[in-house]
PDB file of N, CA and C in Angstrom:
ATOM      1  N   MET A   1     -15.475  -2.983  -8.817  1.00  0.00           N
ATOM      2  CA  MET A   1     -15.127  -3.290 -10.175  1.00  0.00           C
ATOM      3  C   MET A   1     -14.263  -4.548 -10.163  1.00  0.00           C
ATOM      4  N   ARG A   2     -14.626  -5.511 -10.964  1.00  0.00           N
ATOM      5  CA  ARG A   2     -13.864  -6.757 -11.056  1.00  0.00           C
ATOM      6  C   ARG A   2     -12.816  -6.647 -12.151  1.00  0.00           C
ATOM      7  N   ARG A   3     -11.640  -7.160 -11.891  1.00  0.00           N
ATOM      8  CA  ARG A   3     -10.557  -7.216 -12.879  1.00  0.00           C
ATOM      9  C   ARG A   3     -10.016  -8.630 -12.873  1.00  0.00           C
ATOM     10  N   ARG A   4      -9.416  -9.044 -13.961  1.00  0.00           N
ATOM     11  CA  ARG A   4      -8.860 -10.387 -14.075  1.00  0.00           C
ATOM     12  C   ARG A   4      -7.330 -10.323 -13.995  1.00  0.00           C
ATOM     13  N   ILE A   5      -6.751 -11.272 -13.283  1.00  0.00           N
ATOM     14  CA  ILE A   5      -5.298 -11.415 -13.220  1.00  0.00           C
ATOM     15  C   ILE A   5      -4.872 -12.199 -14.459  1.00  0.00           C
ATOM     16  N   PHE A   6      -3.807 -11.732 -15.128  1.00  0.00           N
ATOM     17  CA  PHE A   6      -3.350 -12.435 -16.325  1.00  0.00           C
ATOM     18  C   PHE A   6      -1.834 -12.397 -16.430  1.00  0.00           C
ATOM     19  N   ARG A   7      -1.311 -13.240 -17.303  1.00  0.00           N
ATOM     20  CA  ARG A   7       0.139 -13.308 -17.522  1.00  0.00           C
ATOM     21  C   ARG A   7       0.511 -12.364 -18.651  1.00  0.00           C
ATOM     22  N   TRP A   8       1.601 -11.600 -18.458  1.00  0.00           N
ATOM     23  CA  TRP A   8       2.158 -10.715 -19.479  1.00  0.00           C
ATOM     24  C   TRP A   8       3.647 -10.989 -19.483  1.00  0.00           C
ATOM     25  N   GLY A   9       4.117 -11.769 -20.448  1.00  0.00           N
ATOM     26  CA  GLY A   9       5.521 -12.180 -20.448  1.00  0.00           C
ATOM     27  C   GLY A   9       5.782 -13.075 -19.264  1.00  0.00           C
ATOM     28  N   ASN A  10       6.762 -12.706 -18.448  1.00  0.00           N
ATOM     29  CA  ASN A  10       7.090 -13.488 -17.255  1.00  0.00           C
ATOM     30  C   ASN A  10       6.432 -12.945 -15.998  1.00  0.00           C
ATOM     31  N   SER A  11       5.523 -11.985 -16.144  1.00  0.00           N
ATOM     32  CA  SER A  11       4.882 -11.361 -14.984  1.00  0.00           C
ATOM     33  C   SER A  11       3.410 -11.730 -14.895  1.00  0.00           C
ATOM     34  N   ILE A  12       2.871 -11.612 -13.718  1.00  0.00           N
ATOM     35  CA  ILE A  12       1.438 -11.739 -13.484  1.00  0.00           C
ATOM     36  C   ILE A  12       0.955 -10.326 -13.180  1.00  0.00           C
ATOM     37  N   VAL A  13      -0.078  -9.862 -13.876  1.00  0.00           N
ATOM     38  CA  VAL A  13      -0.505  -8.467 -13.749  1.00  0.00           C
ATOM     39  C   VAL A  13      -2.012  -8.343 -13.568  1.00  0.00           C
ATOM     40  N   VAL A  14      -2.409  -7.188 -13.072  1.00  0.00           N
ATOM     41  CA  VAL A  14      -3.810  -6.776 -12.992  1.00  0.00           C
ATOM     42  C   VAL A  14      -3.864  -5.400 -13.631  1.00  0.00           C
ATOM     43  N   SER A  15      -4.747  -5.212 -14.574  1.00  0.00           N
ATOM     44  CA  SER A  15      -4.855  -3.891 -15.200  1.00  0.00           C
ATOM     45  C   SER A  15      -5.626  -2.953 -14.280  1.00  0.00           C
ATOM     46  N   LEU A  16      -5.283  -1.675 -14.349  1.00  0.00           N
ATOM     47  CA  LEU A  16      -5.943  -0.664 -13.526  1.00  0.00           C
ATOM     48  C   LEU A  16      -6.843   0.194 -14.408  1.00  0.00           C
ATOM     49  N   PRO A  17      -8.051   0.476 -13.959  1.00  0.00           N
ATOM     50  CA  PRO A  17      -8.969   1.281 -14.763  1.00  0.00           C
ATOM     51  C   PRO A  17      -8.417   2.690 -14.992  1.00  0.00           C
ATOM     52  N   GLY A  18      -8.568   3.181 -16.216  1.00  0.00           N
ATOM     53  CA  GLY A  18      -8.089   4.518 -16.568  1.00  0.00           C
ATOM     54  C   GLY A  18      -8.676   5.596 -15.686  1.00  0.00           C
ATOM     55  N   ALA A  19      -9.947   5.467 -15.302  1.00  0.00           N
ATOM     56  CA  ALA A  19     -10.580   6.476 -14.448  1.00  0.00           C
ATOM     57  C   ALA A  19      -9.864   6.580 -13.105  1.00  0.00           C
ATOM     58  N   PHE A  20      -9.438   5.440 -12.557  1.00  0.00           N
ATOM     59  CA  PHE A  20      -8.716   5.452 -11.284  1.00  0.00           C
ATOM     60  C   PHE A  20      -7.381   6.161 -11.445  1.00  0.00           C
ATOM     61  N   LEU A  21      -6.688   5.849 -12.547  1.00  0.00           N
ATOM     62  CA  LEU A  21      -5.384   6.462 -12.793  1.00  0.00           C
ATOM     63  C   LEU A  21      -5.507   7.974 -12.924  1.00  0.00           C
ATOM     64  N   ARG A  22      -6.530   8.428 -13.622  1.00  0.00           N
ATOM     65  CA  ARG A  22      -6.718   9.881 -13.785  1.00  0.00           C
ATOM     66  C   ARG A  22      -6.977  10.570 -12.450  1.00  0.00           C
ATOM     67  N   VAL A  23      -7.799   9.969 -11.602  1.00  0.00           N
ATOM     68  CA  VAL A  23      -8.103  10.557 -10.297  1.00  0.00           C
ATOM     69  C   VAL A  23      -6.841  10.707  -9.458  1.00  0.00           C
ATOM     70  N   LEU A  24      -5.948   9.727  -9.541  1.00  0.00           N
ATOM     71  CA  LEU A  24      -4.720   9.742  -8.742  1.00  0.00           C
ATOM     72  C   LEU A  24      -3.538  10.363  -9.480  1.00  0.00           C
ATOM     73  N   ASN A  25      -3.804  10.888 -10.675  1.00  0.00           N
ATOM     74  CA  ASN A  25      -2.768  11.520 -11.496  1.00  0.00           C
ATOM     75  C   ASN A  25      -1.607  10.562 -11.769  1.00  0.00           C
ATOM     76  N   LEU A  26      -1.947   9.320 -12.124  1.00  0.00           N
ATOM     77  CA  LEU A  26      -0.960   8.308 -12.460  1.00  0.00           C
ATOM     78  C   LEU A  26      -1.018   8.026 -13.957  1.00  0.00           C
ATOM     79  N   GLN A  27       0.093   7.581 -14.494  1.00  0.00           N
ATOM     80  CA  GLN A  27       0.147   7.230 -15.907  1.00  0.00           C
ATOM     81  C   GLN A  27       1.172   6.124 -16.085  1.00  0.00           C
ATOM     82  N   GLU A  28       1.298   5.607 -17.283  1.00  0.00           N
ATOM     83  CA  GLU A  28       2.292   4.578 -17.543  1.00  0.00           C
ATOM     84  C   GLU A  28       3.665   5.095 -17.112  1.00  0.00           C
ATOM     85  N   GLY A  29       4.380   4.289 -16.337  1.00  0.00           N
ATOM     86  CA  GLY A  29       5.691   4.682 -15.844  1.00  0.00           C
ATOM     87  C   GLY A  29       5.666   5.267 -14.444  1.00  0.00           C
ATOM     88  N   SER A  30       4.485   5.624 -13.928  1.00  0.00           N
ATOM     89  CA  SER A  30       4.390   6.154 -12.562  1.00  0.00           C
ATOM     90  C   SER A  30       4.766   5.054 -11.573  1.00  0.00           C
ATOM     91  N   GLU A  31       5.360   5.450 -10.467  1.00  0.00           N
ATOM     92  CA  GLU A  31       5.688   4.492  -9.422  1.00  0.00           C
ATOM     93  C   GLU A  31       4.545   4.402  -8.434  1.00  0.00           C
ATOM     94  N   VAL A  32       4.251   3.166  -8.004  1.00  0.00           N
ATOM     95  CA  VAL A  32       3.213   2.941  -7.007  1.00  0.00           C
ATOM     96  C   VAL A  32       3.787   2.124  -5.867  1.00  0.00           C
ATOM     97  N   SER A  33       3.123   2.194  -4.740  1.00  0.00           N
ATOM     98  CA  SER A  33       3.478   1.409  -3.569  1.00  0.00           C
ATOM     99  C   SER A  33       2.422   0.313  -3.432  1.00  0.00           C
ATOM    100  N   ILE A  34       2.866  -0.909  -3.207  1.00  0.00           N
ATOM    101  CA  ILE A  34       1.944  -2.028  -3.054  1.00  0.00           C
ATOM    102  C   ILE A  34       2.138  -2.614  -1.664  1.00  0.00           C
ATOM    103  N   SER A  35       1.034  -2.779  -0.941  1.00  0.00           N
ATOM    104  CA  SER A  35       1.121  -3.365   0.394  1.00  0.00           C
ATOM    105  C   SER A  35      -0.002  -4.381   0.572  1.00  0.00           C
ATOM    106  N   LEU A  36       0.171  -5.239   1.544  1.00  0.00           N
ATOM    107  CA  LEU A  36      -0.799  -6.283   1.841  1.00  0.00           C
ATOM    108  C   LEU A  36      -1.397  -6.026   3.210  1.00  0.00           C
ATOM    109  N   ASP A  37      -2.716  -5.926   3.261  1.00  0.00           N
ATOM    110  CA  ASP A  37      -3.420  -5.804   4.536  1.00  0.00           C
ATOM    111  C   ASP A  37      -3.988  -7.190   4.837  1.00  0.00           C
ATOM    112  N   LYS A  38      -3.237  -7.975   5.612  1.00  0.00           N
ATOM    113  CA  LYS A  38      -3.629  -9.355   5.892  1.00  0.00           C
ATOM    114  C   LYS A  38      -4.953  -9.443   6.634  1.00  0.00           C
ATOM    115  N   GLU A  39      -5.180  -8.531   7.580  1.00  0.00           N
ATOM    116  CA  GLU A  39      -6.406  -8.566   8.372  1.00  0.00           C
ATOM    117  C   GLU A  39      -7.648  -8.433   7.511  1.00  0.00           C
ATOM    118  N   ARG A  40      -7.599  -7.524   6.544  1.00  0.00           N
ATOM    119  CA  ARG A  40      -8.765  -7.309   5.672  1.00  0.00           C
ATOM    120  C   ARG A  40      -8.705  -8.162   4.421  1.00  0.00           C
ATOM    121  N   GLY A  41      -7.568  -8.821   4.178  1.00  0.00           N
ATOM    122  CA  GLY A  41      -7.419  -9.657   3.002  1.00  0.00           C
ATOM    123  C   GLY A  41      -7.441  -8.868   1.708  1.00  0.00           C
ATOM    124  N   VAL A  42      -6.747  -7.714   1.706  1.00  0.00           N
ATOM    125  CA  VAL A  42      -6.720  -6.871   0.512  1.00  0.00           C
ATOM    126  C   VAL A  42      -5.296  -6.468   0.155  1.00  0.00           C
ATOM    127  N   ILE A  43      -5.102  -6.227  -1.134  1.00  0.00           N
ATOM    128  CA  ILE A  43      -3.864  -5.663  -1.647  1.00  0.00           C
ATOM    129  C   ILE A  43      -4.145  -4.192  -1.897  1.00  0.00           C
ATOM    130  N   VAL A  44      -3.274  -3.322  -1.406  1.00  0.00           N
ATOM    131  CA  VAL A  44      -3.464  -1.879  -1.540  1.00  0.00           C
ATOM    132  C   VAL A  44      -2.428  -1.335  -2.514  1.00  0.00           C
ATOM    133  N   VAL A  45      -2.891  -0.658  -3.547  1.00  0.00           N
ATOM    134  CA  VAL A  45      -2.011  -0.009  -4.515  1.00  0.00           C
ATOM    135  C   VAL A  45      -2.217   1.488  -4.361  1.00  0.00           C
ATOM    136  N   ALA A  46      -1.143   2.234  -4.109  1.00  0.00           N
ATOM    137  CA  ALA A  46      -1.235   3.671  -3.883  1.00  0.00           C
ATOM    138  C   ALA A  46      -0.082   4.373  -4.593  1.00  0.00           C
ATOM    139  N   PRO A  47      -0.274   5.648  -4.926  1.00  0.00           N
ATOM    140  CA  PRO A  47       0.851   6.388  -5.516  1.00  0.00           C
ATOM    141  C   PRO A  47       2.048   6.329  -4.574  1.00  0.00           C
ATOM    142  N   ALA A  48       3.240   6.101  -5.131  1.00  0.00           N
ATOM    143  CA  ALA A  48       4.453   6.064  -4.315  1.00  0.00           C
ATOM    144  C   ALA A  48       4.735   7.464  -3.792  1.00  0.00           C
ATOM    145  N   THR A  49       5.185   7.515  -2.561  1.00  0.00           N
ATOM    146  CA  THR A  49       5.536   8.804  -1.987  1.00  0.00           C
ATOM    147  C   THR A  49       7.023   9.049  -2.198  1.00  0.00           C
ATOM    148  N   LYS A  50       7.386  10.286  -2.275  1.00  0.00           N
ATOM    149  CA  LYS A  50       8.788  10.654  -2.435  1.00  0.00           C
ATOM    150  C   LYS A  50       9.523  10.400  -1.123  1.00  0.00           C
ATOM    151  N   ALA A  51      10.746   9.931  -1.218  1.00  0.00           N
ATOM    152  CA  ALA A  51      11.564   9.697  -0.023  1.00  0.00           C
ATOM    153  C   ALA A  51      11.866  11.029   0.657  1.00  0.00           C
ATOM    154  N   LEU A  52      11.824  11.018   1.963  1.00  0.00           N
ATOM    155  CA  LEU A  52      12.150  12.214   2.731  1.00  0.00           C
ATOM    156  C   LEU A  52      13.660  12.344   2.856  1.00  0.00           C
ATOM    157  N   ALA A  53      14.154  13.551   2.728  1.00  0.00           N
ATOM    158  CA  ALA A  53      15.587  13.791   2.878  1.00  0.00           C
ATOM    159  C   ALA A  53      16.014  13.367   4.280  1.00  0.00           C
ATOM    160  N   GLY A  54      17.096  12.635   4.368  1.00  0.00           N
ATOM    161  CA  GLY A  54      17.627  12.221   5.661  1.00  0.00           C
ATOM    162  C   GLY A  54      17.020  10.934   6.203  1.00  0.00           C
ATOM    163  N   VAL A  55      16.036  10.348   5.497  1.00  0.00           N
ATOM    164  CA  VAL A  55      15.437   9.100   5.951  1.00  0.00           C
ATOM    165  C   VAL A  55      15.939   7.992   5.024  1.00  0.00           C
ATOM    166  N   ASP A  56      16.701   7.062   5.579  1.00  0.00           N
ATOM    167  CA  ASP A  56      17.252   6.009   4.726  1.00  0.00           C
ATOM    168  C   ASP A  56      16.306   4.815   4.632  1.00  0.00           C
ATOM    169  N   ALA A  57      16.596   3.926   3.709  1.00  0.00           N
ATOM    170  CA  ALA A  57      15.734   2.782   3.442  1.00  0.00           C
ATOM    171  C   ALA A  57      15.614   1.863   4.654  1.00  0.00           C
ATOM    172  N   GLU A  58      16.689   1.691   5.405  1.00  0.00           N
ATOM    173  CA  GLU A  58      16.649   0.814   6.582  1.00  0.00           C
ATOM    174  C   GLU A  58      15.687   1.359   7.630  1.00  0.00           C
ATOM    175  N   PHE A  59      15.727   2.659   7.867  1.00  0.00           N
ATOM    176  CA  PHE A  59      14.790   3.261   8.824  1.00  0.00           C
ATOM    177  C   PHE A  59      13.356   3.060   8.343  1.00  0.00           C
ATOM    178  N   GLY A  60      13.119   3.268   7.058  1.00  0.00           N
ATOM    179  CA  GLY A  60      11.789   3.067   6.492  1.00  0.00           C
ATOM    180  C   GLY A  60      11.320   1.631   6.663  1.00  0.00           C
ATOM    181  N   ARG A  61      12.225   0.671   6.459  1.00  0.00           N
ATOM    182  CA  ARG A  61      11.891  -0.740   6.644  1.00  0.00           C
ATOM    183  C   ARG A  61      11.523  -1.026   8.092  1.00  0.00           C
ATOM    184  N   GLN A  62      12.273  -0.449   9.038  1.00  0.00           N
ATOM    185  CA  GLN A  62      12.003  -0.660  10.456  1.00  0.00           C
ATOM    186  C   GLN A  62      10.650  -0.077  10.856  1.00  0.00           C
ATOM    187  N   VAL A  63      10.330   1.097  10.342  1.00  0.00           N
ATOM    188  CA  VAL A  63       9.035   1.709  10.639  1.00  0.00           C
ATOM    189  C   VAL A  63       7.910   0.846  10.074  1.00  0.00           C
ATOM    190  N   ALA A  64       8.058   0.382   8.839  1.00  0.00           N
ATOM    191  CA  ALA A  64       7.034  -0.467   8.223  1.00  0.00           C
ATOM    192  C   ALA A  64       6.845  -1.756   9.021  1.00  0.00           C
ATOM    193  N   GLN A  65       7.941  -2.336   9.493  1.00  0.00           N
ATOM    194  CA  GLN A  65       7.871  -3.560  10.297  1.00  0.00           C
ATOM    195  C   GLN A  65       7.157  -3.289  11.620  1.00  0.00           C
ATOM    196  N   PHE A  66       7.464  -2.158  12.250  1.00  0.00           N
ATOM    197  CA  PHE A  66       6.815  -1.784  13.512  1.00  0.00           C
ATOM    198  C   PHE A  66       5.308  -1.637  13.304  1.00  0.00           C
ATOM    199  N   ILE A  67       4.936  -0.931  12.232  1.00  0.00           N
ATOM    200  CA  ILE A  67       3.518  -0.709  11.960  1.00  0.00           C
ATOM    201  C   ILE A  67       2.815  -2.044  11.718  1.00  0.00           C
ATOM    202  N   GLU A  68       3.415  -2.922  10.951  1.00  0.00           N
ATOM    203  CA  GLU A  68       2.809  -4.224  10.669  1.00  0.00           C
ATOM    204  C   GLU A  68       2.632  -5.024  11.956  1.00  0.00           C
ATOM    205  N   GLU A  69       3.659  -5.035  12.797  1.00  0.00           N
ATOM    206  CA  GLU A  69       3.608  -5.819  14.031  1.00  0.00           C
ATOM    207  C   GLU A  69       2.584  -5.282  15.024  1.00  0.00           C
ATOM    208  N   TYR A  70       2.475  -3.965  15.114  1.00  0.00           N
ATOM    209  CA  TYR A  70       1.604  -3.351  16.118  1.00  0.00           C
ATOM    210  C   TYR A  70       0.344  -2.720  15.518  1.00  0.00           C
ATOM    211  N   ARG A  71      -0.029  -3.104  14.295  1.00  0.00           N
ATOM    212  CA  ARG A  71      -1.173  -2.502  13.617  1.00  0.00           C
ATOM    213  C   ARG A  71      -2.459  -2.503  14.462  1.00  0.00           C
ATOM    214  N   PRO A  72      -2.862  -3.626  15.070  1.00  0.00           N
ATOM    215  CA  PRO A  72      -4.102  -3.601  15.856  1.00  0.00           C
ATOM    216  C   PRO A  72      -4.069  -2.568  16.986  1.00  0.00           C
ATOM    217  N   ALA A  73      -2.954  -2.487  17.692  1.00  0.00           N
ATOM    218  CA  ALA A  73      -2.844  -1.527  18.789  1.00  0.00           C
ATOM    219  C   ALA A  73      -2.856  -0.094  18.262  1.00  0.00           C
ATOM    220  N   LEU A  74      -2.158   0.155  17.153  1.00  0.00           N
ATOM    221  CA  LEU A  74      -2.127   1.501  16.579  1.00  0.00           C
ATOM    222  C   LEU A  74      -3.509   1.909  16.084  1.00  0.00           C
ATOM    223  N   GLU A  75      -4.240   0.974  15.466  1.00  0.00           N
ATOM    224  CA  GLU A  75      -5.597   1.284  14.999  1.00  0.00           C
ATOM    225  C   GLU A  75      -6.527   1.563  16.166  1.00  0.00           C
ATOM    226  N   ALA A  76      -6.380   0.813  17.266  1.00  0.00           N
ATOM    227  CA  ALA A  76      -7.211   1.052  18.461  1.00  0.00           C
ATOM    228  C   ALA A  76      -6.915   2.437  19.035  1.00  0.00           C
ATOM    229  N   LEU A  77      -5.645   2.804  19.086  1.00  0.00           N
ATOM    230  CA  LEU A  77      -5.284   4.138  19.571  1.00  0.00           C
ATOM    231  C   LEU A  77      -5.847   5.221  18.654  1.00  0.00           C
ATOM    232  N   ALA A  78      -5.761   5.013  17.353  1.00  0.00           N
ATOM    233  CA  ALA A  78      -6.263   6.008  16.404  1.00  0.00           C
ATOM    234  C   ALA A  78      -7.765   6.149  16.506  1.00  0.00           C
ATOM    235  N   SER A  79      -8.473   5.082  16.869  1.00  0.00           N
ATOM    236  CA  SER A  79      -9.937   5.136  16.964  1.00  0.00           C
ATOM    237  C   SER A  79     -10.400   5.844  18.224  1.00  0.00           C
ATOM    238  N   GLY A  80      -9.469   6.083  19.149  1.00  0.00           N
ATOM    239  CA  GLY A  80      -9.834   6.744  20.399  1.00  0.00           C
ATOM    240  C   GLY A  80     -10.299   5.760  21.451  1.00  0.00           C
ATOM    241  N   ARG A  81     -10.181   4.482  21.162  1.00  0.00           N
ATOM    242  CA  ARG A  81     -10.605   3.439  22.105  1.00  0.00           C
ATOM    243  C   ARG A  81      -9.424   2.527  22.388  1.00  0.00           C
ATOM    244  N   PRO A  82      -8.465   2.958  23.230  1.00  0.00           N
ATOM    245  CA  PRO A  82      -7.246   2.187  23.474  1.00  0.00           C
ATOM    246  C   PRO A  82      -7.504   0.763  23.977  1.00  0.00           C
ATOM    247  N   GLY A  83      -8.653   0.481  24.567  1.00  0.00           N
ATOM    248  CA  GLY A  83      -8.946  -0.864  25.041  1.00  0.00           C
ATOM    249  C   GLY A  83      -9.281  -1.820  23.929  1.00  0.00           C
ATOM    250  N   ASP A  84      -9.605  -1.312  22.747  1.00  0.00           N
ATOM    251  CA  ASP A  84      -9.936  -2.169  21.592  1.00  0.00           C
ATOM    252  C   ASP A  84      -8.664  -2.738  20.982  1.00  0.00           C
ATOM    253  N   SER A  85      -8.705  -3.975  20.605  1.00  0.00           N
ATOM    254  CA  SER A  85      -7.579  -4.566  19.863  1.00  0.00           C
ATOM    255  C   SER A  85      -7.965  -5.857  19.226  1.00  0.00           C
TER     256      SER A  85
END
């Protein structure tokens, strides 16, 4: 499905199809997580997850940085082919 990027006030936005929002149980005001997958050249929008008790923002940032840095190796391990990268 193609969508157009447009300006709304001082922001640049992309509208999300209502059918997608219903499937993910999202509505106006829901929080989402946005990430960039540089390898695939895609922006990923997903429902935001609730913070885990005892996990602070700095730890979360460090984990995200680790995953980004070692993504090819982690994906190769997950595929069951550790030699792939």
